Amino acid sequence: MFLTNCPLDLSQSARNLTPDAIVISEPLSAPQPSAPALTNATPLSKAPRPVLPEQALPYPIYAFTPNRDTLGGTAYLIVHPAGNLLIDSPAWDEVTQSFVQAQGGVRWLFLTHRGAMGKVREIQEALHCDVIVQEQEAYLLPKVKVTPFQQTLEFPTGDRAIWTSGHSPGSACLYHPTSGGILFSGRHLLPDRHQKPVPLRTSKTFHWPRQLRNIQTLIKEFSPETLAWICPGASTGYLRGATAIGQAYSALMALDFSALQQQLPPGL
Protein backbone atom coordinates (compact mmCIF):
# COMPACT_ATOMS: atom_id res chain seq x y z
CA MET A 1 0.00 0.00 0.00
CA PHE A 2 1.40 3.37 -1.01
CA LEU A 3 1.42 6.41 1.25
CA THR A 4 0.70 9.89 -0.05
CA ASN A 5 0.21 13.25 1.64
CA CYS A 6 -0.14 11.65 5.05
CA PRO A 7 1.88 11.64 8.29
CA LEU A 8 4.25 8.79 8.77
CA ASP A 9 4.28 7.01 12.14
CA LEU A 10 6.23 3.78 11.82
CA SER A 11 7.40 1.50 14.62
CA GLN A 12 11.07 1.38 15.16
CA SER A 13 11.89 -1.27 13.61
CA ALA A 14 49.55 -10.79 -0.70
CA ARG A 15 51.04 -12.36 -1.23
CA ASN A 16 53.98 -13.21 1.17
CA LEU A 17 57.28 -12.27 -0.41
CA THR A 18 59.62 -15.04 0.94
CA PRO A 19 63.17 -14.68 -0.44
CA ASP A 20 64.52 -17.59 -2.47
CA ALA A 21 67.19 -19.65 -0.69
CA ILE A 22 70.67 -18.43 -1.57
CA VAL A 23 74.13 -19.83 -0.93
CA ILE A 24 76.85 -17.47 0.16
CA SER A 25 80.30 -17.95 1.59
CA GLU A 26 79.97 -15.31 4.29
CA PRO A 27 77.88 -15.42 7.45
CA LEU A 28 74.24 -14.46 7.05
CA SER A 29 73.16 -11.17 8.54
CA ALA A 30 70.44 -10.99 11.13
CA PRO A 31 67.00 -11.75 9.70
CA GLN A 32 65.05 -8.70 8.59
CA PRO A 33 61.34 -8.23 9.24
CA SER A 34 59.25 -9.18 6.25
CA ALA A 35 57.19 -6.55 4.45
CA PRO A 36 53.52 -6.46 5.34
CA ALA A 37 51.22 -8.34 3.03
CA LEU A 38 49.42 -6.30 0.38
CA THR A 39 45.66 -6.07 0.74
CA ASN A 40 42.77 -4.68 -1.25
CA ALA A 41 40.92 -3.39 1.81
CA THR A 42 38.79 -0.27 1.25
CA PRO A 43 40.02 2.71 3.32
CA LEU A 44 37.77 3.64 6.21
CA SER A 45 35.73 6.80 5.81
CA LYS A 46 36.37 9.89 7.90
CA ALA A 47 34.10 10.89 10.74
CA PRO A 48 31.01 12.87 9.69
CA ARG A 49 31.06 16.66 9.96
CA PRO A 50 28.40 18.88 11.54
CA VAL A 51 26.24 20.71 9.02
CA LEU A 52 26.08 24.48 9.51
CA PRO A 53 28.21 24.44 12.68
CA GLU A 54 27.99 28.24 12.87
CA GLN A 55 24.19 28.02 13.13
CA ALA A 56 22.30 27.28 16.34
CA LEU A 57 20.49 24.24 14.97
CA PRO A 58 17.76 22.87 17.25
CA TYR A 59 18.78 19.35 16.26
CA PRO A 60 22.25 18.23 15.13
CA ILE A 61 22.75 17.42 11.45
CA TYR A 62 25.82 15.61 10.14
CA ALA A 63 27.26 15.14 6.64
CA PHE A 64 29.10 11.91 5.85
CA THR A 65 32.11 11.71 3.58
CA PRO A 66 31.38 10.91 -0.09
CA ASN A 67 30.49 7.27 -0.62
CA ARG A 68 32.22 5.25 -3.35
CA ASP A 69 29.26 2.88 -3.48
CA THR A 70 27.03 5.75 -4.64
CA LEU A 71 29.55 7.39 -7.01
CA GLY A 72 30.61 10.03 -4.53
CA GLY A 73 27.20 10.68 -3.03
CA THR A 74 26.91 12.53 0.29
CA ALA A 75 24.57 11.20 2.97
CA TYR A 76 23.24 13.13 5.96
CA LEU A 77 21.96 12.31 9.44
CA ILE A 78 19.36 14.40 11.29
CA VAL A 79 19.38 13.64 15.03
CA HIS A 80 15.89 14.19 16.42
CA PRO A 81 14.08 13.17 19.64
CA ALA A 82 11.26 11.59 17.62
CA GLY A 83 13.75 9.38 15.77
CA ASN A 84 16.91 9.88 13.75
CA LEU A 85 16.57 10.33 10.01
CA LEU A 86 19.30 9.15 7.63
CA ILE A 87 19.23 10.69 4.16
CA ASP A 88 20.79 8.39 1.55
CA SER A 89 23.29 5.62 2.21
CA PRO A 90 26.70 6.48 3.65
CA ALA A 91 29.72 4.22 3.29
CA TRP A 92 28.77 1.36 5.58
CA ASP A 93 32.08 0.76 7.36
CA GLU A 94 33.21 0.60 10.99
CA VAL A 95 33.53 4.38 11.31
CA THR A 96 30.01 5.01 10.07
CA GLN A 97 28.47 2.18 12.05
CA SER A 98 30.05 3.31 15.31
CA PHE A 99 29.06 6.92 14.73
CA VAL A 100 25.45 6.13 13.89
CA GLN A 101 25.06 3.85 16.90
CA ALA A 102 26.56 6.53 19.15
CA GLN A 103 23.85 8.94 17.95
CA GLY A 104 21.12 6.51 18.93
CA GLY A 105 20.72 4.58 15.69
CA VAL A 106 18.34 5.40 12.85
CA ARG A 107 14.56 5.19 12.70
CA TRP A 108 14.15 6.11 9.02
CA LEU A 109 16.40 5.86 5.97
CA PHE A 110 15.13 8.18 3.24
CA LEU A 111 16.49 7.62 -0.29
CA THR A 112 16.54 10.58 -2.66
CA HIS A 113 17.04 8.50 -5.82
CA ARG A 114 18.12 5.09 -7.08
CA GLY A 115 21.78 6.03 -7.23
CA ALA A 116 21.87 6.72 -3.49
CA MET A 117 20.88 3.23 -2.35
CA GLY A 118 24.34 1.81 -1.68
CA LYS A 119 24.29 -0.94 0.96
CA VAL A 120 20.71 -0.22 2.00
CA ARG A 121 19.95 -3.86 2.79
CA GLU A 122 22.89 -4.14 5.20
CA ILE A 123 21.95 -0.83 6.81
CA GLN A 124 18.38 -1.93 7.40
CA GLU A 125 19.47 -5.29 8.82
CA ALA A 126 21.88 -3.58 11.23
CA LEU A 127 19.66 -0.70 12.34
CA HIS A 128 16.14 -2.15 11.88
CA CYS A 129 15.10 1.12 10.27
CA ASP A 130 12.24 1.88 7.91
CA VAL A 131 13.35 2.57 4.34
CA ILE A 132 11.38 5.35 2.66
CA VAL A 133 11.57 5.72 -1.12
CA GLN A 134 9.40 7.19 -3.86
CA GLU A 135 7.26 4.44 -5.36
CA GLN A 136 8.94 4.46 -8.79
CA GLU A 137 12.28 3.46 -7.25
CA ALA A 138 10.89 0.91 -4.79
CA TYR A 139 11.06 -2.05 -7.19
CA LEU A 140 14.84 -1.74 -7.24
CA LEU A 141 14.94 -3.02 -3.64
CA PRO A 142 13.20 -6.42 -3.83
CA LYS A 143 14.96 -7.78 -0.74
CA VAL A 144 14.37 -4.70 1.39
CA LYS A 145 11.20 -3.86 3.29
CA VAL A 146 10.32 -0.42 1.96
CA THR A 147 7.64 2.17 2.59
CA PRO A 148 6.89 3.84 -0.76
CA PHE A 149 5.23 7.21 -1.16
CA GLN A 150 3.71 9.04 -4.12
CA GLN A 151 3.74 12.85 -4.06
CA THR A 152 4.71 13.86 -0.51
CA LEU A 153 5.16 12.26 2.88
CA GLU A 154 5.30 13.82 6.33
CA PHE A 155 7.58 12.52 9.09
CA PRO A 156 6.83 12.90 12.82
CA THR A 157 9.97 15.05 12.98
CA GLY A 158 8.31 17.70 10.81
CA ASP A 159 10.44 16.78 7.79
CA ARG A 160 8.70 16.31 4.46
CA ALA A 161 9.58 14.17 1.44
CA ILE A 162 8.78 15.76 -1.93
CA TRP A 163 8.70 13.87 -5.25
CA THR A 164 10.89 15.78 -7.74
CA SER A 165 11.11 13.46 -10.73
CA GLY A 166 13.62 14.25 -13.47
CA HIS A 167 17.09 13.08 -12.53
CA SER A 168 15.50 9.65 -12.12
CA PRO A 169 11.83 8.61 -12.21
CA GLY A 170 11.55 8.58 -8.43
CA SER A 171 13.98 11.35 -7.57
CA ALA A 172 12.91 13.14 -4.38
CA CYS A 173 14.02 15.85 -1.96
CA LEU A 174 13.60 16.13 1.80
CA TYR A 175 12.64 19.43 3.40
CA HIS A 176 13.78 20.14 6.97
CA PRO A 177 11.87 23.10 8.45
CA THR A 178 14.41 24.46 10.96
CA SER A 179 17.09 27.17 10.57
CA GLY A 180 15.18 28.97 7.86
CA GLY A 181 14.50 25.76 5.96
CA ILE A 182 16.97 23.18 4.63
CA LEU A 183 16.39 21.22 1.43
CA PHE A 184 18.28 17.93 1.07
CA SER A 185 18.25 17.81 -2.71
CA GLY A 186 19.91 14.52 -3.61
CA ARG A 187 21.00 14.92 -7.25
CA HIS A 188 17.99 17.05 -8.19
CA LEU A 189 20.13 20.13 -7.50
CA LEU A 190 23.92 20.14 -7.26
CA PRO A 191 26.50 22.86 -6.62
CA ASP A 192 28.39 24.29 -9.56
CA ARG A 193 31.90 25.76 -9.50
CA HIS A 194 30.48 28.98 -8.10
CA GLN A 195 28.76 27.16 -5.22
CA LYS A 196 25.33 27.80 -6.72
CA PRO A 197 22.62 25.12 -6.91
CA VAL A 198 21.91 23.99 -10.47
CA PRO A 199 20.28 21.03 -12.22
CA LEU A 200 22.82 18.88 -14.00
CA ARG A 201 21.85 17.18 -17.25
CA THR A 202 23.77 13.94 -17.77
CA SER A 203 23.58 11.10 -20.27
CA LYS A 204 21.48 9.19 -17.72
CA THR A 205 19.01 11.97 -16.88
CA PHE A 206 15.54 10.45 -17.01
CA HIS A 207 13.46 13.49 -18.02
CA TRP A 208 15.11 16.91 -18.31
CA PRO A 209 11.98 19.07 -18.86
CA ARG A 210 10.30 17.40 -15.89
CA GLN A 211 13.34 18.06 -13.71
CA LEU A 212 13.21 21.75 -14.60
CA ARG A 213 9.47 21.93 -13.94
CA ASN A 214 9.96 20.39 -10.51
CA ILE A 215 12.55 23.03 -9.64
CA GLN A 216 10.02 25.68 -10.59
CA THR A 217 7.49 23.91 -8.38
CA LEU A 218 9.90 24.20 -5.44
CA ILE A 219 10.27 27.92 -6.14
CA LYS A 220 6.49 28.33 -6.01
CA GLU A 221 6.20 26.29 -2.82
CA PHE A 222 8.90 28.02 -0.81
CA SER A 223 10.02 31.59 -0.15
CA PRO A 224 13.16 33.39 1.07
CA GLU A 225 11.81 32.92 4.60
CA THR A 226 11.25 29.16 4.26
CA LEU A 227 14.23 28.03 2.17
CA ALA A 228 17.61 29.27 3.36
CA TRP A 229 19.87 26.29 2.71
CA ILE A 230 20.41 23.41 0.28
CA CYS A 231 22.39 20.32 1.24
CA PRO A 232 23.24 18.57 -2.05
CA GLY A 233 23.60 14.83 -2.41
CA ALA A 234 26.82 14.95 -4.45
CA SER A 235 29.54 17.26 -5.82
CA THR A 236 30.10 18.65 -2.32
CA GLY A 237 33.76 19.27 -3.16
CA TYR A 238 32.60 22.39 -4.99
CA LEU A 239 31.45 23.80 -1.65
CA ARG A 240 35.13 24.26 -0.66
CA GLY A 241 34.74 23.14 2.89
CA ALA A 242 31.24 24.48 3.46
CA THR A 243 28.48 22.05 4.41
CA ALA A 244 25.52 23.70 2.65
CA ILE A 245 24.58 26.22 -0.04
CA GLY A 246 23.36 29.46 1.49
CA GLN A 247 20.76 31.93 0.20
CA ALA A 248 19.16 28.94 -1.47
CA TYR A 249 15.87 30.51 -2.53
CA SER A 250 17.54 33.51 -4.17
CA ALA A 251 19.89 31.18 -6.02
CA LEU A 252 16.97 29.18 -7.41
CA MET A 253 15.21 32.37 -8.47
CA ALA A 254 18.36 33.37 -10.40
CA LEU A 255 18.30 30.24 -12.59
CA ASP A 256 17.84 30.91 -16.31
CA PHE A 257 15.22 28.33 -17.23
CA SER A 258 15.09 29.42 -20.87
CA ALA A 259 18.78 28.63 -21.27
CA LEU A 260 18.45 25.41 -19.27
CA GLN A 261 15.63 24.20 -21.50
CA GLN A 262 17.93 24.49 -24.52
CA GLN A 263 20.72 22.54 -22.85
CA LEU A 264 21.61 19.37 -24.72
CA PRO A 265 22.75 16.06 -23.19
CA PRO A 266 26.53 15.56 -22.97
CA GLY A 267 28.08 14.42 -26.23
CA LEU A 268 25.46 16.01 -28.51
Foldseek 3Di string as FASTA:
>chain_A
DAAEPEEDDDDQFADFDDDDDDDDDDDDDDDDDGDDGDDPDDDDFDAWDWAPPVDPWPWTKTWGFQAVQLVGWIKMWTQDPSFIEIEFDHHPDPNVVVVCVVSPAGAEYEYQDLSRHGPVVVNCVVRRHEYEFAPVNVVVCPPDHYHHYHAKYHYPQRKMKGQQAWQHRRGIWIWDFPPQIEIAREQLWDQDLVRFTDHDAEPNTDHQVSSLVSLVVVLVVDDLRGYFWYQYGGPCVSVVPHRIRGSRSVSSVPDDVVVSVPDDYPPD
